[in-house]
Structures are given as structure tokens and as C-alpha cells.
Amino acid sequence: MNIFINSKSQISDIQRDFNGLFPYLKIELFKQKHGYQEASPRQAKLPHYLYLSDLATQLPAQISVPESMTVQELEKMFEEQLGLHLQVFRKSGNLWLETTMTDGWTLKQQNDHGMEISITNY
């Protein structure tokens, strides 16, 4: 699956596209990069309504997001290609948890685990 980003794209657009691929995952963008296996500070989260043309270093862009990609690879790709600092969250019942300790898992593994936890809790 590809996510297309142009000058009219907002953060909410890529969040929607990503969540359409992985319903038990979501992405958030932050002002600064987080360290390895570290959480991003909540106050650094960027609002969903911001335009990526104001944030990204290179547009338009097409980002390929295969389910075999790890969280770490996805975050690195967004940073290197677009200069965007991304964090992946996994659904756990009614909560969204940062995937800091499982960044080496593939997006499919993360999504499947989120589904298992969410269904098991209800």
C-alpha cells in the first residue's frame, strides 16, 4: 500500500490512510525525534489539522507501507524522506499504547496483536 502526500495533505489525511491499512494502529507526528525505545512527550504532538507542506522537507511524496515493514523502519523512512517525526501506537482495548518496546515488530504483527488484545478484552 502507498500513502500519497501532497501540498494539500494534512496530518489527519495520512493518519486516516494509515489506519485504513492497519485498523489497530495509528500514527502521530511530533515536533522532535524520540530516542530508541523512548516515548514521545505528549506536549510535542502536532495537531491533526496541520498541513504537511508546512512540515515536510520534500513534497509531493509517495510512501510505500508494506505490512512486512517494521515500526522502526517506518519511523526512519518518514524521518529520512520527509523530515517528519512519527510514532506508532497500537490499540489495546480502549487505550492507544506507543509501540516503543516492540519497534522491531512488523506492522502486521503490531496490528494483529492489537486486534487480539482488543477482542480479548471485550
PDB file of N, CA and C in Angstrom:
ATOM      1  N   MET A   1       0.838  -1.189   0.000  1.00  0.00           N
ATOM      2  CA  MET A   1       0.000   0.000   0.000  1.00  0.00           C
ATOM      3  C   MET A   1       0.875   1.240   0.000  1.00  0.00           C
ATOM      4  N   ASN A   2       0.403   2.239  -0.684  1.00  0.00           N
ATOM      5  CA  ASN A   2       1.118   3.507  -0.751  1.00  0.00           C
ATOM      6  C   ASN A   2       0.299   4.614  -0.105  1.00  0.00           C
ATOM      7  N   ILE A   3       1.000   5.517   0.539  1.00  0.00           N
ATOM      8  CA  ILE A   3       0.380   6.732   1.067  1.00  0.00           C
ATOM      9  C   ILE A   3       0.920   7.883   0.235  1.00  0.00           C
ATOM     10  N   PHE A   4       0.005   8.627  -0.375  1.00  0.00           N
ATOM     11  CA  PHE A   4       0.381   9.760  -1.209  1.00  0.00           C
ATOM     12  C   PHE A   4       0.246  11.044  -0.400  1.00  0.00           C
ATOM     13  N   ILE A   5       1.273  11.871  -0.468  1.00  0.00           N
ATOM     14  CA  ILE A   5       1.291  13.115   0.294  1.00  0.00           C
ATOM     15  C   ILE A   5       1.594  14.256  -0.671  1.00  0.00           C
ATOM     16  N   ASN A   6       0.742  15.282  -0.642  1.00  0.00           N
ATOM     17  CA  ASN A   6       0.996  16.459  -1.468  1.00  0.00           C
ATOM     18  C   ASN A   6       0.831  17.720  -0.624  1.00  0.00           C
ATOM     19  N   SER A   7       0.901  18.855  -1.256  1.00  0.00           N
ATOM     20  CA  SER A   7       0.875  20.119  -0.514  1.00  0.00           C
ATOM     21  C   SER A   7      -0.464  20.377   0.176  1.00  0.00           C
ATOM     22  N   LYS A   8      -1.518  19.688  -0.251  1.00  0.00           N
ATOM     23  CA  LYS A   8      -2.834  19.868   0.368  1.00  0.00           C
ATOM     24  C   LYS A   8      -3.115  18.833   1.456  1.00  0.00           C
ATOM     25  N   SER A   9      -2.197  17.904   1.669  1.00  0.00           N
ATOM     26  CA  SER A   9      -2.388  16.863   2.676  1.00  0.00           C
ATOM     27  C   SER A   9      -2.212  17.419   4.083  1.00  0.00           C
ATOM     28  N   GLN A  10      -3.104  17.001   4.959  1.00  0.00           N
ATOM     29  CA  GLN A  10      -2.993  17.330   6.373  1.00  0.00           C
ATOM     30  C   GLN A  10      -2.547  16.081   7.124  1.00  0.00           C
ATOM     31  N   ILE A  11      -2.091  16.278   8.349  1.00  0.00           N
ATOM     32  CA  ILE A  11      -1.694  15.139   9.178  1.00  0.00           C
ATOM     33  C   ILE A  11      -2.844  14.138   9.253  1.00  0.00           C
ATOM     34  N   SER A  12      -4.064  14.631   9.413  1.00  0.00           N
ATOM     35  CA  SER A  12      -5.228  13.743   9.526  1.00  0.00           C
ATOM     36  C   SER A  12      -5.416  12.869   8.283  1.00  0.00           C
ATOM     37  N   ASP A  13      -5.007  13.353   7.118  1.00  0.00           N
ATOM     38  CA  ASP A  13      -5.127  12.564   5.888  1.00  0.00           C
ATOM     39  C   ASP A  13      -4.236  11.327   5.917  1.00  0.00           C
ATOM     40  N   ILE A  14      -2.981  11.502   6.307  1.00  0.00           N
ATOM     41  CA  ILE A  14      -2.101  10.330   6.332  1.00  0.00           C
ATOM     42  C   ILE A  14      -2.461   9.416   7.502  1.00  0.00           C
ATOM     43  N   GLN A  15      -2.980   9.982   8.581  1.00  0.00           N
ATOM     44  CA  GLN A  15      -3.442   9.150   9.693  1.00  0.00           C
ATOM     45  C   GLN A  15      -4.604   8.265   9.236  1.00  0.00           C
ATOM     46  N   ARG A  16      -5.534   8.841   8.514  1.00  0.00           N
ATOM     47  CA  ARG A  16      -6.688   8.088   8.007  1.00  0.00           C
ATOM     48  C   ARG A  16      -6.247   6.996   7.038  1.00  0.00           C
ATOM     49  N   ASP A  17      -5.329   7.337   6.125  1.00  0.00           N
ATOM     50  CA  ASP A  17      -4.846   6.352   5.152  1.00  0.00           C
ATOM     51  C   ASP A  17      -4.131   5.202   5.858  1.00  0.00           C
ATOM     52  N   PHE A  18      -3.288   5.533   6.823  1.00  0.00           N
ATOM     53  CA  PHE A  18      -2.545   4.510   7.555  1.00  0.00           C
ATOM     54  C   PHE A  18      -3.498   3.625   8.359  1.00  0.00           C
ATOM     55  N   ASN A  19      -4.462   4.234   9.042  1.00  0.00           N
ATOM     56  CA  ASN A  19      -5.411   3.479   9.853  1.00  0.00           C
ATOM     57  C   ASN A  19      -6.325   2.616   8.988  1.00  0.00           C
ATOM     58  N   GLY A  20      -6.539   3.018   7.745  1.00  0.00           N
ATOM     59  CA  GLY A  20      -7.305   2.190   6.815  1.00  0.00           C
ATOM     60  C   GLY A  20      -6.571   0.895   6.493  1.00  0.00           C
ATOM     61  N   LEU A  21      -5.258   0.961   6.470  1.00  0.00           N
ATOM     62  CA  LEU A  21      -4.433  -0.225   6.233  1.00  0.00           C
ATOM     63  C   LEU A  21      -4.311  -1.089   7.480  1.00  0.00           C
ATOM     64  N   PHE A  22      -4.146  -0.430   8.611  1.00  0.00           N
ATOM     65  CA  PHE A  22      -3.892  -1.099   9.887  1.00  0.00           C
ATOM     66  C   PHE A  22      -4.876  -0.564  10.922  1.00  0.00           C
ATOM     67  N   PRO A  23      -6.081  -1.151  11.015  1.00  0.00           N
ATOM     68  CA  PRO A  23      -7.125  -0.597  11.877  1.00  0.00           C
ATOM     69  C   PRO A  23      -6.823  -0.621  13.371  1.00  0.00           C
ATOM     70  N   TYR A  24      -5.839  -1.402  13.788  1.00  0.00           N
ATOM     71  CA  TYR A  24      -5.492  -1.453  15.208  1.00  0.00           C
ATOM     72  C   TYR A  24      -4.209  -0.681  15.512  1.00  0.00           C
ATOM     73  N   LEU A  25      -3.795   0.139  14.538  1.00  0.00           N
ATOM     74  CA  LEU A  25      -2.626   1.006  14.711  1.00  0.00           C
ATOM     75  C   LEU A  25      -3.005   2.424  14.334  1.00  0.00           C
ATOM     76  N   LYS A  26      -2.285   3.376  14.892  1.00  0.00           N
ATOM     77  CA  LYS A  26      -2.432   4.764  14.457  1.00  0.00           C
ATOM     78  C   LYS A  26      -1.060   5.421  14.531  1.00  0.00           C
ATOM     79  N   ILE A  27      -0.911   6.481  13.767  1.00  0.00           N
ATOM     80  CA  ILE A  27       0.336   7.239  13.792  1.00  0.00           C
ATOM     81  C   ILE A  27       0.055   8.644  14.303  1.00  0.00           C
ATOM     82  N   GLU A  28       1.041   9.176  14.988  1.00  0.00           N
ATOM     83  CA  GLU A  28       1.009  10.565  15.445  1.00  0.00           C
ATOM     84  C   GLU A  28       2.332  11.191  15.032  1.00  0.00           C
ATOM     85  N   LEU A  29       2.298  12.476  14.716  1.00  0.00           N
ATOM     86  CA  LEU A  29       3.503  13.210  14.376  1.00  0.00           C
ATOM     87  C   LEU A  29       3.883  14.123  15.525  1.00  0.00           C
ATOM     88  N   PHE A  30       5.195  14.279  15.709  1.00  0.00           N
ATOM     89  CA  PHE A  30       5.721  15.051  16.834  1.00  0.00           C
ATOM     90  C   PHE A  30       6.719  16.093  16.349  1.00  0.00           C
ATOM     91  N   LYS A  31       6.936  17.099  17.177  1.00  0.00           N
ATOM     92  CA  LYS A  31       7.852  18.193  16.839  1.00  0.00           C
ATOM     93  C   LYS A  31       9.295  17.738  16.763  1.00  0.00           C
ATOM     94  N   GLN A  32       9.664  16.786  17.606  1.00  0.00           N
ATOM     95  CA  GLN A  32      11.047  16.327  17.603  1.00  0.00           C
ATOM     96  C   GLN A  32      11.107  14.802  17.607  1.00  0.00           C
ATOM     97  N   LYS A  33      12.269  14.306  17.272  1.00  0.00           N
ATOM     98  CA  LYS A  33      12.528  12.873  17.214  1.00  0.00           C
ATOM     99  C   LYS A  33      12.596  12.305  18.629  1.00  0.00           C
ATOM    100  N   HIS A  34      12.127  11.080  18.768  1.00  0.00           N
ATOM    101  CA  HIS A  34      12.256  10.396  20.055  1.00  0.00           C
ATOM    102  C   HIS A  34      13.450   9.445  19.994  1.00  0.00           C
ATOM    103  N   GLY A  35      13.995   9.119  21.142  1.00  0.00           N
ATOM    104  CA  GLY A  35      15.119   8.205  21.215  1.00  0.00           C
ATOM    105  C   GLY A  35      14.678   6.766  21.052  1.00  0.00           C
ATOM    106  N   TYR A  36      15.638   5.879  20.876  1.00  0.00           N
ATOM    107  CA  TYR A  36      15.363   4.461  20.701  1.00  0.00           C
ATOM    108  C   TYR A  36      14.613   3.933  21.924  1.00  0.00           C
ATOM    109  N   GLN A  37      13.486   3.297  21.673  1.00  0.00           N
ATOM    110  CA  GLN A  37      12.601   2.729  22.693  1.00  0.00           C
ATOM    111  C   GLN A  37      12.158   3.751  23.729  1.00  0.00           C
ATOM    112  N   GLU A  38      12.059   5.010  23.323  1.00  0.00           N
ATOM    113  CA  GLU A  38      11.564   6.065  24.202  1.00  0.00           C
ATOM    114  C   GLU A  38      10.222   6.566  23.692  1.00  0.00           C
ATOM    115  N   ALA A  39       9.391   6.984  24.618  1.00  0.00           N
ATOM    116  CA  ALA A  39       8.109   7.576  24.263  1.00  0.00           C
ATOM    117  C   ALA A  39       8.311   9.035  23.866  1.00  0.00           C
ATOM    118  N   SER A  40       7.419   9.519  23.044  1.00  0.00           N
ATOM    119  CA  SER A  40       7.448  10.937  22.666  1.00  0.00           C
ATOM    120  C   SER A  40       6.632  11.733  23.670  1.00  0.00           C
ATOM    121  N   PRO A  41       7.109  12.930  24.045  1.00  0.00           N
ATOM    122  CA  PRO A  41       6.353  13.745  25.003  1.00  0.00           C
ATOM    123  C   PRO A  41       5.012  14.185  24.412  1.00  0.00           C
ATOM    124  N   ARG A  42       3.959  14.023  25.183  1.00  0.00           N
ATOM    125  CA  ARG A  42       2.613  14.375  24.733  1.00  0.00           C
ATOM    126  C   ARG A  42       2.517  15.819  24.249  1.00  0.00           C
ATOM    127  N   GLN A  43       3.189  16.721  24.954  1.00  0.00           N
ATOM    128  CA  GLN A  43       3.109  18.142  24.594  1.00  0.00           C
ATOM    129  C   GLN A  43       3.793  18.445  23.257  1.00  0.00           C
ATOM    130  N   ALA A  44       4.555  17.504  22.732  1.00  0.00           N
ATOM    131  CA  ALA A  44       5.241  17.709  21.454  1.00  0.00           C
ATOM    132  C   ALA A  44       4.425  17.183  20.267  1.00  0.00           C
ATOM    133  N   LYS A  45       3.244  16.609  20.539  1.00  0.00           N
ATOM    134  CA  LYS A  45       2.399  16.073  19.465  1.00  0.00           C
ATOM    135  C   LYS A  45       1.865  17.214  18.606  1.00  0.00           C
ATOM    136  N   LEU A  46       1.922  17.024  17.303  1.00  0.00           N
ATOM    137  CA  LEU A  46       1.434  18.037  16.365  1.00  0.00           C
ATOM    138  C   LEU A  46      -0.064  17.872  16.140  1.00  0.00           C
ATOM    139  N   PRO A  47      -0.801  18.982  16.015  1.00  0.00           N
ATOM    140  CA  PRO A  47      -2.242  18.914  15.772  1.00  0.00           C
ATOM    141  C   PRO A  47      -2.567  18.265  14.420  1.00  0.00           C
ATOM    142  N   HIS A  48      -3.664  17.546  14.374  1.00  0.00           N
ATOM    143  CA  HIS A  48      -4.062  16.800  13.172  1.00  0.00           C
ATOM    144  C   HIS A  48      -4.388  17.683  11.980  1.00  0.00           C
ATOM    145  N   TYR A  49      -4.736  18.934  12.233  1.00  0.00           N
ATOM    146  CA  TYR A  49      -5.178  19.809  11.146  1.00  0.00           C
ATOM    147  C   TYR A  49      -4.023  20.481  10.392  1.00  0.00           C
ATOM    148  N   LEU A  50      -2.781  20.317  10.858  1.00  0.00           N
ATOM    149  CA  LEU A  50      -1.649  20.968  10.185  1.00  0.00           C
ATOM    150  C   LEU A  50      -1.425  20.387   8.795  1.00  0.00           C
ATOM    151  N   TYR A  51      -1.014  21.256   7.883  1.00  0.00           N
ATOM    152  CA  TYR A  51      -0.689  20.821   6.522  1.00  0.00           C
ATOM    153  C   TYR A  51       0.752  20.319   6.482  1.00  0.00           C
ATOM    154  N   LEU A  52       0.941  19.204   5.801  1.00  0.00           N
ATOM    155  CA  LEU A  52       2.280  18.626   5.706  1.00  0.00           C
ATOM    156  C   LEU A  52       3.222  19.491   4.892  1.00  0.00           C
ATOM    157  N   SER A  53       2.679  20.361   4.056  1.00  0.00           N
ATOM    158  CA  SER A  53       3.532  21.274   3.285  1.00  0.00           C
ATOM    159  C   SER A  53       4.282  22.231   4.208  1.00  0.00           C
ATOM    160  N   ASP A  54       3.747  22.459   5.404  1.00  0.00           N
ATOM    161  CA  ASP A  54       4.413  23.325   6.386  1.00  0.00           C
ATOM    162  C   ASP A  54       5.437  22.564   7.223  1.00  0.00           C
ATOM    163  N   LEU A  55       5.450  21.236   7.099  1.00  0.00           N
ATOM    164  CA  LEU A  55       6.284  20.408   7.966  1.00  0.00           C
ATOM    165  C   LEU A  55       7.301  19.559   7.214  1.00  0.00           C
ATOM    166  N   ALA A  56       6.900  19.009   6.092  1.00  0.00           N
ATOM    167  CA  ALA A  56       7.736  18.050   5.365  1.00  0.00           C
ATOM    168  C   ALA A  56       8.832  18.753   4.583  1.00  0.00           C
ATOM    169  N   THR A  57       9.952  18.068   4.445  1.00  0.00           N
ATOM    170  CA  THR A  57      11.083  18.638   3.715  1.00  0.00           C
ATOM    171  C   THR A  57      10.978  18.412   2.216  1.00  0.00           C
ATOM    172  N   GLN A  58      10.174  17.429   1.797  1.00  0.00           N
ATOM    173  CA  GLN A  58      10.075  17.146   0.367  1.00  0.00           C
ATOM    174  C   GLN A  58       8.672  16.665   0.028  1.00  0.00           C
ATOM    175  N   LEU A  59       7.990  17.424  -0.828  1.00  0.00           N
ATOM    176  CA  LEU A  59       6.662  17.050  -1.313  1.00  0.00           C
ATOM    177  C   LEU A  59       6.591  17.339  -2.796  1.00  0.00           C
ATOM    178  N   PRO A  60       5.778  16.645  -3.547  1.00  0.00           N
ATOM    179  CA  PRO A  60       4.934  15.530  -3.153  1.00  0.00           C
ATOM    180  C   PRO A  60       5.768  14.281  -2.867  1.00  0.00           C
ATOM    181  N   ALA A  61       5.129  13.333  -2.213  1.00  0.00           N
ATOM    182  CA  ALA A  61       5.820  12.091  -1.861  1.00  0.00           C
ATOM    183  C   ALA A  61       4.854  10.925  -1.929  1.00  0.00           C
ATOM    184  N   GLN A  62       5.419   9.783  -2.203  1.00  0.00           N
ATOM    185  CA  GLN A  62       4.665   8.536  -2.172  1.00  0.00           C
ATOM    186  C   GLN A  62       5.431   7.598  -1.241  1.00  0.00           C
ATOM    187  N   ILE A  63       4.790   7.211  -0.165  1.00  0.00           N
ATOM    188  CA  ILE A  63       5.421   6.360   0.831  1.00  0.00           C
ATOM    189  C   ILE A  63       4.834   4.957   0.717  1.00  0.00           C
ATOM    190  N   SER A  64       5.690   3.989   0.469  1.00  0.00           N
ATOM    191  CA  SER A  64       5.265   2.597   0.400  1.00  0.00           C
ATOM    192  C   SER A  64       5.269   2.008   1.808  1.00  0.00           C
ATOM    193  N   VAL A  65       4.133   1.424   2.205  1.00  0.00           N
ATOM    194  CA  VAL A  65       3.990   0.892   3.561  1.00  0.00           C
ATOM    195  C   VAL A  65       3.538  -0.571   3.487  1.00  0.00           C
ATOM    196  N   PRO A  66       4.478  -1.480   3.251  1.00  0.00           N
ATOM    197  CA  PRO A  66       4.101  -2.898   3.250  1.00  0.00           C
ATOM    198  C   PRO A  66       3.896  -3.408   4.674  1.00  0.00           C
ATOM    199  N   GLU A  67       3.061  -4.399   4.831  1.00  0.00           N
ATOM    200  CA  GLU A  67       2.795  -4.924   6.174  1.00  0.00           C
ATOM    201  C   GLU A  67       4.010  -5.624   6.778  1.00  0.00           C
ATOM    202  N   SER A  68       4.991  -5.948   5.944  1.00  0.00           N
ATOM    203  CA  SER A  68       6.217  -6.587   6.429  1.00  0.00           C
ATOM    204  C   SER A  68       7.235  -5.578   6.981  1.00  0.00           C
ATOM    205  N   MET A  69       6.950  -4.285   6.833  1.00  0.00           N
ATOM    206  CA  MET A  69       7.841  -3.241   7.341  1.00  0.00           C
ATOM    207  C   MET A  69       7.743  -3.175   8.860  1.00  0.00           C
ATOM    208  N   THR A  70       8.874  -2.964   9.531  1.00  0.00           N
ATOM    209  CA  THR A  70       8.829  -2.807  10.983  1.00  0.00           C
ATOM    210  C   THR A  70       8.459  -1.376  11.339  1.00  0.00           C
ATOM    211  N   VAL A  71       8.022  -1.195  12.565  1.00  0.00           N
ATOM    212  CA  VAL A  71       7.709   0.146  13.064  1.00  0.00           C
ATOM    213  C   VAL A  71       8.946   1.025  12.957  1.00  0.00           C
ATOM    214  N   GLN A  72      10.077   0.486  13.364  1.00  0.00           N
ATOM    215  CA  GLN A  72      11.335   1.237  13.320  1.00  0.00           C
ATOM    216  C   GLN A  72      11.662   1.683  11.893  1.00  0.00           C
ATOM    217  N   GLU A  73      11.453   0.813  10.919  1.00  0.00           N
ATOM    218  CA  GLU A  73      11.716   1.163   9.516  1.00  0.00           C
ATOM    219  C   GLU A  73      10.761   2.257   9.038  1.00  0.00           C
ATOM    220  N   LEU A  74       9.498   2.170   9.432  1.00  0.00           N
ATOM    221  CA  LEU A  74       8.517   3.184   9.047  1.00  0.00           C
ATOM    222  C   LEU A  74       8.898   4.549   9.609  1.00  0.00           C
ATOM    223  N   GLU A  75       9.232   4.577  10.894  1.00  0.00           N
ATOM    224  CA  GLU A  75       9.615   5.837  11.524  1.00  0.00           C
ATOM    225  C   GLU A  75      10.860   6.423  10.877  1.00  0.00           C
ATOM    226  N   LYS A  76      11.816   5.577  10.565  1.00  0.00           N
ATOM    227  CA  LYS A  76      13.057   6.033   9.926  1.00  0.00           C
ATOM    228  C   LYS A  76      12.784   6.567   8.523  1.00  0.00           C
ATOM    229  N   MET A  77      11.921   5.885   7.768  1.00  0.00           N
ATOM    230  CA  MET A  77      11.600   6.317   6.411  1.00  0.00           C
ATOM    231  C   MET A  77      10.936   7.686   6.413  1.00  0.00           C
ATOM    232  N   PHE A  78       9.974   7.905   7.305  1.00  0.00           N
ATOM    233  CA  PHE A  78       9.312   9.206   7.376  1.00  0.00           C
ATOM    234  C   PHE A  78      10.302  10.305   7.735  1.00  0.00           C
ATOM    235  N   GLU A  79      11.233   9.983   8.612  1.00  0.00           N
ATOM    236  CA  GLU A  79      12.218  10.986   9.010  1.00  0.00           C
ATOM    237  C   GLU A  79      13.197  11.290   7.875  1.00  0.00           C
ATOM    238  N   GLU A  80      13.725  10.261   7.241  1.00  0.00           N
ATOM    239  CA  GLU A  80      14.730  10.468   6.198  1.00  0.00           C
ATOM    240  C   GLU A  80      14.146  11.072   4.934  1.00  0.00           C
ATOM    241  N   GLN A  81      12.957  10.629   4.526  1.00  0.00           N
ATOM    242  CA  GLN A  81      12.378  11.104   3.267  1.00  0.00           C
ATOM    243  C   GLN A  81      11.618  12.416   3.404  1.00  0.00           C
ATOM    244  N   LEU A  82      11.010  12.641   4.569  1.00  0.00           N
ATOM    245  CA  LEU A  82      10.147  13.808   4.722  1.00  0.00           C
ATOM    246  C   LEU A  82      10.534  14.735   5.865  1.00  0.00           C
ATOM    247  N   GLY A  83      11.447  14.297   6.718  1.00  0.00           N
ATOM    248  CA  GLY A  83      11.817  15.105   7.874  1.00  0.00           C
ATOM    249  C   GLY A  83      10.732  15.143   8.939  1.00  0.00           C
ATOM    250  N   LEU A  84       9.862  14.127   8.934  1.00  0.00           N
ATOM    251  CA  LEU A  84       8.753  14.074   9.891  1.00  0.00           C
ATOM    252  C   LEU A  84       9.056  13.064  10.990  1.00  0.00           C
ATOM    253  N   HIS A  85       8.698  13.419  12.213  1.00  0.00           N
ATOM    254  CA  HIS A  85       8.947  12.563  13.376  1.00  0.00           C
ATOM    255  C   HIS A  85       7.644  11.863  13.750  1.00  0.00           C
ATOM    256  N   LEU A  86       7.651  10.579  13.541  1.00  0.00           N
ATOM    257  CA  LEU A  86       6.448   9.775  13.644  1.00  0.00           C
ATOM    258  C   LEU A  86       6.554   8.797  14.804  1.00  0.00           C
ATOM    259  N   GLN A  87       5.424   8.479  15.402  1.00  0.00           N
ATOM    260  CA  GLN A  87       5.355   7.450  16.435  1.00  0.00           C
ATOM    261  C   GLN A  87       4.128   6.595  16.141  1.00  0.00           C
ATOM    262  N   VAL A  88       4.281   5.277  16.244  1.00  0.00           N
ATOM    263  CA  VAL A  88       3.183   4.348  16.011  1.00  0.00           C
ATOM    264  C   VAL A  88       2.580   3.945  17.355  1.00  0.00           C
ATOM    265  N   PHE A  89       1.259   3.901  17.392  1.00  0.00           N
ATOM    266  CA  PHE A  89       0.507   3.478  18.570  1.00  0.00           C
ATOM    267  C   PHE A  89      -0.316   2.242  18.210  1.00  0.00           C
ATOM    268  N   ARG A  90      -0.484   1.331  19.172  1.00  0.00           N
ATOM    269  CA  ARG A  90      -1.264   0.116  18.977  1.00  0.00           C
ATOM    270  C   ARG A  90      -2.465   0.140  19.907  1.00  0.00           C
ATOM    271  N   LYS A  91      -3.609  -0.250  19.374  1.00  0.00           N
ATOM    272  CA  LYS A  91      -4.837  -0.297  20.162  1.00  0.00           C
ATOM    273  C   LYS A  91      -4.752  -1.435  21.168  1.00  0.00           C
ATOM    274  N   SER A  92      -5.172  -1.146  22.385  1.00  0.00           N
ATOM    275  CA  SER A  92      -5.230  -2.140  23.449  1.00  0.00           C
ATOM    276  C   SER A  92      -6.524  -1.892  24.218  1.00  0.00           C
ATOM    277  N   GLY A  93      -7.593  -2.541  23.797  1.00  0.00           N
ATOM    278  CA  GLY A  93      -8.908  -2.261  24.370  1.00  0.00           C
ATOM    279  C   GLY A  93      -9.344  -0.865  23.987  1.00  0.00           C
ATOM    280  N   ASN A  94      -9.539  -0.003  24.989  1.00  0.00           N
ATOM    281  CA  ASN A  94      -9.927   1.391  24.740  1.00  0.00           C
ATOM    282  C   ASN A  94      -8.737   2.340  24.728  1.00  0.00           C
ATOM    283  N   LEU A  95      -7.539   1.810  24.914  1.00  0.00           N
ATOM    284  CA  LEU A  95      -6.336   2.635  25.007  1.00  0.00           C
ATOM    285  C   LEU A  95      -5.501   2.524  23.741  1.00  0.00           C
ATOM    286  N   TRP A  96      -4.686   3.550  23.520  1.00  0.00           N
ATOM    287  CA  TRP A  96      -3.673   3.519  22.468  1.00  0.00           C
ATOM    288  C   TRP A  96      -2.311   3.582  23.153  1.00  0.00           C
ATOM    289  N   LEU A  97      -1.486   2.565  22.939  1.00  0.00           N
ATOM    290  CA  LEU A  97      -0.175   2.478  23.563  1.00  0.00           C
ATOM    291  C   LEU A  97       0.918   2.686  22.528  1.00  0.00           C
ATOM    292  N   GLU A  98       1.932   3.460  22.886  1.00  0.00           N
ATOM    293  CA  GLU A  98       3.077   3.624  21.998  1.00  0.00           C
ATOM    294  C   GLU A  98       3.794   2.285  21.881  1.00  0.00           C
ATOM    295  N   THR A  99       4.303   2.006  20.716  1.00  0.00           N
ATOM    296  CA  THR A  99       4.945   0.712  20.454  1.00  0.00           C
ATOM    297  C   THR A  99       6.442   0.761  20.732  1.00  0.00           C
ATOM    298  N   THR A 100       6.846   1.523  21.706  1.00  0.00           N
ATOM    299  CA  THR A 100       8.271   1.766  21.950  1.00  0.00           C
ATOM    300  C   THR A 100       9.070   0.488  22.182  1.00  0.00           C
ATOM    301  N   MET A 101       8.532  -0.456  22.922  1.00  0.00           N
ATOM    302  CA  MET A 101       9.285  -1.667  23.247  1.00  0.00           C
ATOM    303  C   MET A 101       9.206  -2.726  22.153  1.00  0.00           C
ATOM    304  N   THR A 102       8.333  -2.514  21.177  1.00  0.00           N
ATOM    305  CA  THR A 102       8.158  -3.502  20.104  1.00  0.00           C
ATOM    306  C   THR A 102       8.373  -2.883  18.726  1.00  0.00           C
ATOM    307  N   ASP A 103       9.263  -1.897  18.641  1.00  0.00           N
ATOM    308  CA  ASP A 103       9.533  -1.234  17.362  1.00  0.00           C
ATOM    309  C   ASP A 103      10.131  -2.172  16.320  1.00  0.00           C
ATOM    310  N   GLY A 104      10.664  -3.306  16.741  1.00  0.00           N
ATOM    311  CA  GLY A 104      11.225  -4.284  15.812  1.00  0.00           C
ATOM    312  C   GLY A 104      10.179  -5.196  15.193  1.00  0.00           C
ATOM    313  N   TRP A 105       8.941  -5.120  15.669  1.00  0.00           N
ATOM    314  CA  TRP A 105       7.867  -5.927  15.108  1.00  0.00           C
ATOM    315  C   TRP A 105       7.419  -5.324  13.781  1.00  0.00           C
ATOM    316  N   THR A 106       6.896  -6.179  12.909  1.00  0.00           N
ATOM    317  CA  THR A 106       6.337  -5.675  11.656  1.00  0.00           C
ATOM    318  C   THR A 106       5.000  -4.999  11.938  1.00  0.00           C
ATOM    319  N   LEU A 107       4.563  -4.198  10.983  1.00  0.00           N
ATOM    320  CA  LEU A 107       3.266  -3.538  11.119  1.00  0.00           C
ATOM    321  C   LEU A 107       2.147  -4.576  11.201  1.00  0.00           C
ATOM    322  N   LYS A 108       2.280  -5.672  10.467  1.00  0.00           N
ATOM    323  CA  LYS A 108       1.280  -6.748  10.532  1.00  0.00           C
ATOM    324  C   LYS A 108       1.255  -7.366  11.925  1.00  0.00           C
ATOM    325  N   GLN A 109       2.427  -7.654  12.493  1.00  0.00           N
ATOM    326  CA  GLN A 109       2.475  -8.215  13.844  1.00  0.00           C
ATOM    327  C   GLN A 109       1.834  -7.264  14.857  1.00  0.00           C
ATOM    328  N   GLN A 110       2.158  -5.987  14.730  1.00  0.00           N
ATOM    329  CA  GLN A 110       1.593  -4.986  15.646  1.00  0.00           C
ATOM    330  C   GLN A 110       0.067  -4.947  15.517  1.00  0.00           C
ATOM    331  N   ASN A 111      -0.411  -4.888  14.279  1.00  0.00           N
ATOM    332  CA  ASN A 111      -1.846  -4.797  14.030  1.00  0.00           C
ATOM    333  C   ASN A 111      -2.568  -6.056  14.530  1.00  0.00           C
ATOM    334  N   ASP A 112      -2.001  -7.223  14.229  1.00  0.00           N
ATOM    335  CA  ASP A 112      -2.604  -8.488  14.681  1.00  0.00           C
ATOM    336  C   ASP A 112      -2.656  -8.550  16.206  1.00  0.00           C
ATOM    337  N   HIS A 113      -1.592  -8.108  16.854  1.00  0.00           N
ATOM    338  CA  HIS A 113      -1.553  -8.118  18.317  1.00  0.00           C
ATOM    339  C   HIS A 113      -2.595  -7.147  18.890  1.00  0.00           C
ATOM    340  N   GLY A 114      -2.707  -5.988  18.273  1.00  0.00           N
ATOM    341  CA  GLY A 114      -3.721  -5.026  18.702  1.00  0.00           C
ATOM    342  C   GLY A 114      -5.125  -5.596  18.572  1.00  0.00           C
ATOM    343  N   MET A 115      -5.386  -6.325  17.495  1.00  0.00           N
ATOM    344  CA  MET A 115      -6.691  -6.944  17.296  1.00  0.00           C
ATOM    345  C   MET A 115      -6.940  -8.004  18.372  1.00  0.00           C
ATOM    346  N   GLU A 116      -5.943  -8.844  18.625  1.00  0.00           N
ATOM    347  CA  GLU A 116      -6.088  -9.900  19.635  1.00  0.00           C
ATOM    348  C   GLU A 116      -6.382  -9.304  21.016  1.00  0.00           C
ATOM    349  N   ILE A 117      -5.616  -8.290  21.394  1.00  0.00           N
ATOM    350  CA  ILE A 117      -5.812  -7.664  22.709  1.00  0.00           C
ATOM    351  C   ILE A 117      -7.168  -6.991  22.800  1.00  0.00           C
ATOM    352  N   SER A 118      -7.566  -6.305  21.757  1.00  0.00           N
ATOM    353  CA  SER A 118      -8.826  -5.556  21.784  1.00  0.00           C
ATOM    354  C   SER A 118     -10.030  -6.490  21.796  1.00  0.00           C
ATOM    355  N   ILE A 119      -9.956  -7.585  21.043  1.00  0.00           N
ATOM    356  CA  ILE A 119     -11.071  -8.523  21.007  1.00  0.00           C
ATOM    357  C   ILE A 119     -11.141  -9.317  22.309  1.00  0.00           C
ATOM    358  N   THR A 120      -9.983  -9.695  22.852  1.00  0.00           N
ATOM    359  CA  THR A 120      -9.924 -10.473  24.080  1.00  0.00           C
ATOM    360  C   THR A 120     -10.447  -9.679  25.274  1.00  0.00           C
ATOM    361  N   ASN A 121     -10.219  -8.369  25.251  1.00  0.00           N
ATOM    362  CA  ASN A 121     -10.657  -7.529  26.365  1.00  0.00           C
ATOM    363  C   ASN A 121     -12.156  -7.257  26.360  1.00  0.00           C
ATOM    364  N   TYR A 122     -12.851  -7.677  25.306  1.00  0.00           N
ATOM    365  CA  TYR A 122     -14.289  -7.401  25.215  1.00  0.00           C
ATOM    366  C   TYR A 122     -15.072  -8.643  24.934  1.00  0.00           C
TER     367      TYR A 122
END
